[in-house]
Amino acid sequence: MEFTDADIAASLDWIKTNIKAELFTSQFGQLEGLKVRAQADPEIAKATTFLPEALALEDRDNPPQKTASLVP
C-alpha cells in the first residue's frame, strides 16, 4: 500500500499519537500506553469536562451517611 505526502500530512497527529502510545506500552506497560491514547482522544477530553457536574449530582443524591461510633 502506498501513501502520498498528503495522506500522511492529513493523519500526522494520529500517526504520532499511535507511535508514542506503542512506545509507552512497550517500555512502561499497557496502562501507560492507554494514558497516551486517552490524552489525545477528543471524546475523552470532552467527557472530562462533565466530571465536576457528575460529582455534584452524585454528592447531591448520596449524602454522607452517619456511622455509629463504638468509642464513647
PDB file of N, CA and C in Angstrom:
ATOM      1  N   MET A   1       0.845  -1.165   0.000  1.00  0.00           N
ATOM      2  CA  MET A   1       0.000   0.000   0.000  1.00  0.00           C
ATOM      3  C   MET A   1       0.900   1.241   0.000  1.00  0.00           C
ATOM      4  N   GLU A   2       0.573   2.173  -0.844  1.00  0.00           N
ATOM      5  CA  GLU A   2       1.371   3.389  -0.951  1.00  0.00           C
ATOM      6  C   GLU A   2       0.594   4.571  -0.388  1.00  0.00           C
ATOM      7  N   PHE A   3       1.336   5.498   0.213  1.00  0.00           N
ATOM      8  CA  PHE A   3       0.737   6.696   0.780  1.00  0.00           C
ATOM      9  C   PHE A   3       1.416   7.916   0.187  1.00  0.00           C
ATOM     10  N   THR A   4       0.626   8.932  -0.067  1.00  0.00           N
ATOM     11  CA  THR A   4       1.183  10.188  -0.562  1.00  0.00           C
ATOM     12  C   THR A   4       1.541  11.071   0.625  1.00  0.00           C
ATOM     13  N   ASP A   5       2.301  12.130   0.348  1.00  0.00           N
ATOM     14  CA  ASP A   5       2.626  13.085   1.397  1.00  0.00           C
ATOM     15  C   ASP A   5       1.355  13.706   1.969  1.00  0.00           C
ATOM     16  N   ALA A   6       0.361  13.922   1.134  1.00  0.00           N
ATOM     17  CA  ALA A   6      -0.914  14.493   1.588  1.00  0.00           C
ATOM     18  C   ALA A   6      -1.632  13.533   2.532  1.00  0.00           C
ATOM     19  N   ASP A   7      -1.575  12.235   2.240  1.00  0.00           N
ATOM     20  CA  ASP A   7      -2.195  11.235   3.127  1.00  0.00           C
ATOM     21  C   ASP A   7      -1.558  11.276   4.510  1.00  0.00           C
ATOM     22  N   ILE A   8      -0.244  11.319   4.521  1.00  0.00           N
ATOM     23  CA  ILE A   8       0.485  11.328   5.792  1.00  0.00           C
ATOM     24  C   ILE A   8       0.231  12.632   6.543  1.00  0.00           C
ATOM     25  N   ALA A   9       0.255  13.740   5.847  1.00  0.00           N
ATOM     26  CA  ALA A   9       0.022  15.038   6.493  1.00  0.00           C
ATOM     27  C   ALA A   9      -1.369  15.104   7.111  1.00  0.00           C
ATOM     28  N   ALA A  10      -2.357  14.526   6.451  1.00  0.00           N
ATOM     29  CA  ALA A  10      -3.729  14.562   6.960  1.00  0.00           C
ATOM     30  C   ALA A  10      -3.885  13.728   8.221  1.00  0.00           C
ATOM     31  N   SER A  11      -3.026  12.746   8.403  1.00  0.00           N
ATOM     32  CA  SER A  11      -3.136  11.842   9.557  1.00  0.00           C
ATOM     33  C   SER A  11      -1.956  11.958  10.510  1.00  0.00           C
ATOM     34  N   LEU A  12      -1.172  12.999  10.399  1.00  0.00           N
ATOM     35  CA  LEU A  12       0.075  13.095  11.156  1.00  0.00           C
ATOM     36  C   LEU A  12      -0.133  13.057  12.668  1.00  0.00           C
ATOM     37  N   ASP A  13      -1.126  13.765  13.174  1.00  0.00           N
ATOM     38  CA  ASP A  13      -1.369  13.738  14.623  1.00  0.00           C
ATOM     39  C   ASP A  13      -1.699  12.327  15.093  1.00  0.00           C
ATOM     40  N   TRP A  14      -2.553  11.636  14.343  1.00  0.00           N
ATOM     41  CA  TRP A  14      -2.939  10.273  14.692  1.00  0.00           C
ATOM     42  C   TRP A  14      -1.717   9.351  14.653  1.00  0.00           C
ATOM     43  N   ILE A  15      -0.894   9.505  13.639  1.00  0.00           N
ATOM     44  CA  ILE A  15       0.301   8.673  13.492  1.00  0.00           C
ATOM     45  C   ILE A  15       1.249   8.887  14.670  1.00  0.00           C
ATOM     46  N   LYS A  16       1.511  10.150  15.010  1.00  0.00           N
ATOM     47  CA  LYS A  16       2.418  10.454  16.120  1.00  0.00           C
ATOM     48  C   LYS A  16       1.884   9.899  17.443  1.00  0.00           C
ATOM     49  N   THR A  17       0.589  10.086  17.674  1.00  0.00           N
ATOM     50  CA  THR A  17      -0.013   9.594  18.919  1.00  0.00           C
ATOM     51  C   THR A  17       0.104   8.085  19.018  1.00  0.00           C
ATOM     52  N   ASN A  18      -0.154   7.391  17.932  1.00  0.00           N
ATOM     53  CA  ASN A  18      -0.097   5.935  17.967  1.00  0.00           C
ATOM     54  C   ASN A  18       1.324   5.408  18.111  1.00  0.00           C
ATOM     55  N   ILE A  19       2.279   6.064  17.491  1.00  0.00           N
ATOM     56  CA  ILE A  19       3.675   5.655  17.675  1.00  0.00           C
ATOM     57  C   ILE A  19       4.084   5.876  19.130  1.00  0.00           C
ATOM     58  N   LYS A  20       3.729   7.031  19.683  1.00  0.00           N
ATOM     59  CA  LYS A  20       4.059   7.322  21.084  1.00  0.00           C
ATOM     60  C   LYS A  20       3.387   6.309  22.010  1.00  0.00           C
ATOM     61  N   ALA A  21       2.125   6.006  21.763  1.00  0.00           N
ATOM     62  CA  ALA A  21       1.407   5.049  22.603  1.00  0.00           C
ATOM     63  C   ALA A  21       2.062   3.671  22.546  1.00  0.00           C
ATOM     64  N   GLU A  22       2.464   3.241  21.365  1.00  0.00           N
ATOM     65  CA  GLU A  22       3.122   1.944  21.241  1.00  0.00           C
ATOM     66  C   GLU A  22       4.459   1.919  21.971  1.00  0.00           C
ATOM     67  N   LEU A  23       5.205   3.013  21.879  1.00  0.00           N
ATOM     68  CA  LEU A  23       6.480   3.086  22.594  1.00  0.00           C
ATOM     69  C   LEU A  23       6.267   3.039  24.101  1.00  0.00           C
ATOM     70  N   PHE A  24       5.287   3.793  24.595  1.00  0.00           N
ATOM     71  CA  PHE A  24       4.995   3.794  26.027  1.00  0.00           C
ATOM     72  C   PHE A  24       4.533   2.414  26.483  1.00  0.00           C
ATOM     73  N   THR A  25       3.715   1.764  25.667  1.00  0.00           N
ATOM     74  CA  THR A  25       3.242   0.429  26.021  1.00  0.00           C
ATOM     75  C   THR A  25       4.408  -0.545  26.118  1.00  0.00           C
ATOM     76  N   SER A  26       5.302  -0.501  25.153  1.00  0.00           N
ATOM     77  CA  SER A  26       6.424  -1.446  25.162  1.00  0.00           C
ATOM     78  C   SER A  26       7.420  -1.158  26.277  1.00  0.00           C
ATOM     79  N   GLN A  27       7.575   0.111  26.640  1.00  0.00           N
ATOM     80  CA  GLN A  27       8.569   0.462  27.652  1.00  0.00           C
ATOM     81  C   GLN A  27       8.010   0.511  29.082  1.00  0.00           C
ATOM     82  N   PHE A  28       6.745   0.926  29.219  1.00  0.00           N
ATOM     83  CA  PHE A  28       6.204   1.173  30.554  1.00  0.00           C
ATOM     84  C   PHE A  28       4.948   0.371  30.878  1.00  0.00           C
ATOM     85  N   GLY A  29       4.421  -0.369  29.910  1.00  0.00           N
ATOM     86  CA  GLY A  29       3.258  -1.201  30.150  1.00  0.00           C
ATOM     87  C   GLY A  29       1.994  -0.646  29.500  1.00  0.00           C
ATOM     88  N   GLN A  30       0.983  -1.507  29.488  1.00  0.00           N
ATOM     89  CA  GLN A  30      -0.248  -1.190  28.783  1.00  0.00           C
ATOM     90  C   GLN A  30      -0.961   0.034  29.349  1.00  0.00           C
ATOM     91  N   LEU A  31      -0.973   0.176  30.668  1.00  0.00           N
ATOM     92  CA  LEU A  31      -1.677   1.301  31.276  1.00  0.00           C
ATOM     93  C   LEU A  31      -1.101   2.634  30.813  1.00  0.00           C
ATOM     94  N   GLU A  32       0.211   2.742  30.741  1.00  0.00           N
ATOM     95  CA  GLU A  32       0.834   3.988  30.293  1.00  0.00           C
ATOM     96  C   GLU A  32       0.546   4.253  28.818  1.00  0.00           C
ATOM     97  N   GLY A  33       0.508   3.208  28.022  1.00  0.00           N
ATOM     98  CA  GLY A  33       0.161   3.364  26.617  1.00  0.00           C
ATOM     99  C   GLY A  33      -1.275   3.850  26.453  1.00  0.00           C
ATOM    100  N   LEU A  34      -2.168   3.329  27.273  1.00  0.00           N
ATOM    101  CA  LEU A  34      -3.560   3.766  27.221  1.00  0.00           C
ATOM    102  C   LEU A  34      -3.708   5.213  27.679  1.00  0.00           C
ATOM    103  N   LYS A  35      -2.895   5.633  28.632  1.00  0.00           N
ATOM    104  CA  LYS A  35      -2.926   7.032  29.081  1.00  0.00           C
ATOM    105  C   LYS A  35      -2.562   7.972  27.929  1.00  0.00           C
ATOM    106  N   VAL A  36      -1.558   7.591  27.151  1.00  0.00           N
ATOM    107  CA  VAL A  36      -1.155   8.408  26.000  1.00  0.00           C
ATOM    108  C   VAL A  36      -2.310   8.519  25.016  1.00  0.00           C
ATOM    109  N   ARG A  37      -2.959   7.413  24.738  1.00  0.00           N
ATOM    110  CA  ARG A  37      -4.095   7.436  23.810  1.00  0.00           C
ATOM    111  C   ARG A  37      -5.232   8.286  24.368  1.00  0.00           C
ATOM    112  N   ALA A  38      -5.492   8.177  25.662  1.00  0.00           N
ATOM    113  CA  ALA A  38      -6.580   8.936  26.285  1.00  0.00           C
ATOM    114  C   ALA A  38      -6.306  10.434  26.233  1.00  0.00           C
ATOM    115  N   GLN A  39      -5.055  10.836  26.414  1.00  0.00           N
ATOM    116  CA  GLN A  39      -4.708  12.257  26.385  1.00  0.00           C
ATOM    117  C   GLN A  39      -4.970  12.879  25.020  1.00  0.00           C
ATOM    118  N   ALA A  40      -4.907  12.078  23.976  1.00  0.00           N
ATOM    119  CA  ALA A  40      -5.082  12.599  22.619  1.00  0.00           C
ATOM    120  C   ALA A  40      -6.505  12.403  22.093  1.00  0.00           C
ATOM    121  N   ASP A  41      -7.361  11.767  22.885  1.00  0.00           N
ATOM    122  CA  ASP A  41      -8.718  11.441  22.420  1.00  0.00           C
ATOM    123  C   ASP A  41      -9.671  12.604  22.687  1.00  0.00           C
ATOM    124  N   PRO A  42     -10.237  13.228  21.652  1.00  0.00           N
ATOM    125  CA  PRO A  42     -11.125  14.372  21.858  1.00  0.00           C
ATOM    126  C   PRO A  42     -12.417  14.007  22.597  1.00  0.00           C
ATOM    127  N   GLU A  43     -12.889  12.780  22.442  1.00  0.00           N
ATOM    128  CA  GLU A  43     -14.096  12.375  23.159  1.00  0.00           C
ATOM    129  C   GLU A  43     -13.844  12.275  24.654  1.00  0.00           C
ATOM    130  N   ILE A  44     -12.690  11.771  25.031  1.00  0.00           N
ATOM    131  CA  ILE A  44     -12.339  11.688  26.453  1.00  0.00           C
ATOM    132  C   ILE A  44     -12.150  13.089  27.011  1.00  0.00           C
ATOM    133  N   ALA A  45     -11.512  13.972  26.258  1.00  0.00           N
ATOM    134  CA  ALA A  45     -11.331  15.360  26.709  1.00  0.00           C
ATOM    135  C   ALA A  45     -12.681  16.026  26.949  1.00  0.00           C
ATOM    136  N   LYS A  46     -13.628  15.812  26.058  1.00  0.00           N
ATOM    137  CA  LYS A  46     -14.971  16.381  26.218  1.00  0.00           C
ATOM    138  C   LYS A  46     -15.661  15.771  27.436  1.00  0.00           C
ATOM    139  N   ALA A  47     -15.536  14.468  27.617  1.00  0.00           N
ATOM    140  CA  ALA A  47     -16.184  13.792  28.744  1.00  0.00           C
ATOM    141  C   ALA A  47     -15.659  14.292  30.087  1.00  0.00           C
ATOM    142  N   THR A  48     -14.378  14.595  30.164  1.00  0.00           N
ATOM    143  CA  THR A  48     -13.823  15.057  31.433  1.00  0.00           C
ATOM    144  C   THR A  48     -14.354  16.429  31.832  1.00  0.00           C
ATOM    145  N   THR A  49     -14.879  17.185  30.866  1.00  0.00           N
ATOM    146  CA  THR A  49     -15.457  18.482  31.220  1.00  0.00           C
ATOM    147  C   THR A  49     -16.756  18.310  32.000  1.00  0.00           C
ATOM    148  N   PHE A  50     -17.360  17.123  31.932  1.00  0.00           N
ATOM    149  CA  PHE A  50     -18.605  16.853  32.647  1.00  0.00           C
ATOM    150  C   PHE A  50     -18.383  16.250  34.030  1.00  0.00           C
ATOM    151  N   LEU A  51     -17.158  15.931  34.393  1.00  0.00           N
ATOM    152  CA  LEU A  51     -16.896  15.299  35.683  1.00  0.00           C
ATOM    153  C   LEU A  51     -17.325  16.143  36.882  1.00  0.00           C
ATOM    154  N   PRO A  52     -17.050  17.445  36.924  1.00  0.00           N
ATOM    155  CA  PRO A  52     -17.499  18.219  38.088  1.00  0.00           C
ATOM    156  C   PRO A  52     -19.027  18.176  38.264  1.00  0.00           C
ATOM    157  N   GLU A  53     -19.744  18.263  37.170  1.00  0.00           N
ATOM    158  CA  GLU A  53     -21.205  18.201  37.253  1.00  0.00           C
ATOM    159  C   GLU A  53     -21.656  16.815  37.729  1.00  0.00           C
ATOM    160  N   ALA A  54     -21.032  15.781  37.239  1.00  0.00           N
ATOM    161  CA  ALA A  54     -21.384  14.420  37.650  1.00  0.00           C
ATOM    162  C   ALA A  54     -21.098  14.202  39.133  1.00  0.00           C
ATOM    163  N   LEU A  55     -19.971  14.704  39.600  1.00  0.00           N
ATOM    164  CA  LEU A  55     -19.640  14.567  41.020  1.00  0.00           C
ATOM    165  C   LEU A  55     -20.626  15.337  41.895  1.00  0.00           C
ATOM    166  N   ALA A  56     -21.031  16.513  41.451  1.00  0.00           N
ATOM    167  CA  ALA A  56     -22.007  17.300  42.201  1.00  0.00           C
ATOM    168  C   ALA A  56     -23.345  16.566  42.275  1.00  0.00           C
ATOM    169  N   LEU A  57     -23.757  15.964  41.180  1.00  0.00           N
ATOM    170  CA  LEU A  57     -25.004  15.195  41.184  1.00  0.00           C
ATOM    171  C   LEU A  57     -24.901  13.985  42.106  1.00  0.00           C
ATOM    172  N   GLU A  58     -23.766  13.333  42.091  1.00  0.00           N
ATOM    173  CA  GLU A  58     -23.569  12.179  42.967  1.00  0.00           C
ATOM    174  C   GLU A  58     -23.621  12.600  44.430  1.00  0.00           C
ATOM    175  N   ASP A  59     -22.964  13.699  44.757  1.00  0.00           N
ATOM    176  CA  ASP A  59     -22.974  14.190  46.135  1.00  0.00           C
ATOM    177  C   ASP A  59     -24.382  14.576  46.570  1.00  0.00           C
ATOM    178  N   ARG A  60     -25.132  15.153  45.654  1.00  0.00           N
ATOM    179  CA  ARG A  60     -26.497  15.572  45.972  1.00  0.00           C
ATOM    180  C   ARG A  60     -27.400  14.360  46.222  1.00  0.00           C
ATOM    181  N   ASP A  61     -27.236  13.330  45.423  1.00  0.00           N
ATOM    182  CA  ASP A  61     -28.094  12.157  45.524  1.00  0.00           C
ATOM    183  C   ASP A  61     -27.641  11.160  46.584  1.00  0.00           C
ATOM    184  N   ASN A  62     -26.406  11.250  47.014  1.00  0.00           N
ATOM    185  CA  ASN A  62     -25.862  10.325  48.010  1.00  0.00           C
ATOM    186  C   ASN A  62     -25.205  11.102  49.140  1.00  0.00           C
ATOM    187  N   PRO A  63     -26.026  11.714  50.038  1.00  0.00           N
ATOM    188  CA  PRO A  63     -25.411  12.461  51.136  1.00  0.00           C
ATOM    189  C   PRO A  63     -24.622  11.511  52.034  1.00  0.00           C
ATOM    190  N   PRO A  64     -23.618  12.041  52.738  1.00  0.00           N
ATOM    191  CA  PRO A  64     -22.811  11.184  53.624  1.00  0.00           C
ATOM    192  C   PRO A  64     -23.696  10.524  54.683  1.00  0.00           C
ATOM    193  N   GLN A  65     -23.438   9.252  54.925  1.00  0.00           N
ATOM    194  CA  GLN A  65     -24.208   8.526  55.919  1.00  0.00           C
ATOM    195  C   GLN A  65     -23.522   8.621  57.272  1.00  0.00           C
ATOM    196  N   LYS A  66     -24.347   8.763  58.292  1.00  0.00           N
ATOM    197  CA  LYS A  66     -23.800   8.788  59.651  1.00  0.00           C
ATOM    198  C   LYS A  66     -23.497   7.363  60.056  1.00  0.00           C
ATOM    199  N   THR A  67     -22.364   7.188  60.708  1.00  0.00           N
ATOM    200  CA  THR A  67     -21.981   5.868  61.165  1.00  0.00           C
ATOM    201  C   THR A  67     -21.923   5.863  62.689  1.00  0.00           C
ATOM    202  N   ALA A  68     -22.248   4.750  63.229  1.00  0.00           N
ATOM    203  CA  ALA A  68     -22.216   4.613  64.700  1.00  0.00           C
ATOM    204  C   ALA A  68     -20.777   4.460  65.141  1.00  0.00           C
ATOM    205  N   SER A  69     -20.468   5.091  66.237  1.00  0.00           N
ATOM    206  CA  SER A  69     -19.122   5.002  66.780  1.00  0.00           C
ATOM    207  C   SER A  69     -19.138   4.074  67.993  1.00  0.00           C
ATOM    208  N   LEU A  70     -18.155   3.198  68.056  1.00  0.00           N
ATOM    209  CA  LEU A  70     -18.050   2.300  69.191  1.00  0.00           C
ATOM    210  C   LEU A  70     -17.318   2.940  70.350  1.00  0.00           C
ATOM    211  N   VAL A  71     -16.667   4.044  70.094  1.00  0.00           N
ATOM    212  CA  VAL A  71     -15.908   4.745  71.135  1.00  0.00           C
ATOM    213  C   VAL A  71     -16.783   5.872  71.680  1.00  0.00           C
ATOM    214  N   PRO A  72     -16.973   5.931  73.009  1.00  0.00           N
ATOM    215  CA  PRO A  72     -17.816   6.999  73.578  1.00  0.00           C
ATOM    216  C   PRO A  72     -17.243   8.376  73.413  1.00  0.00           C
TER     217      PRO A  72
END
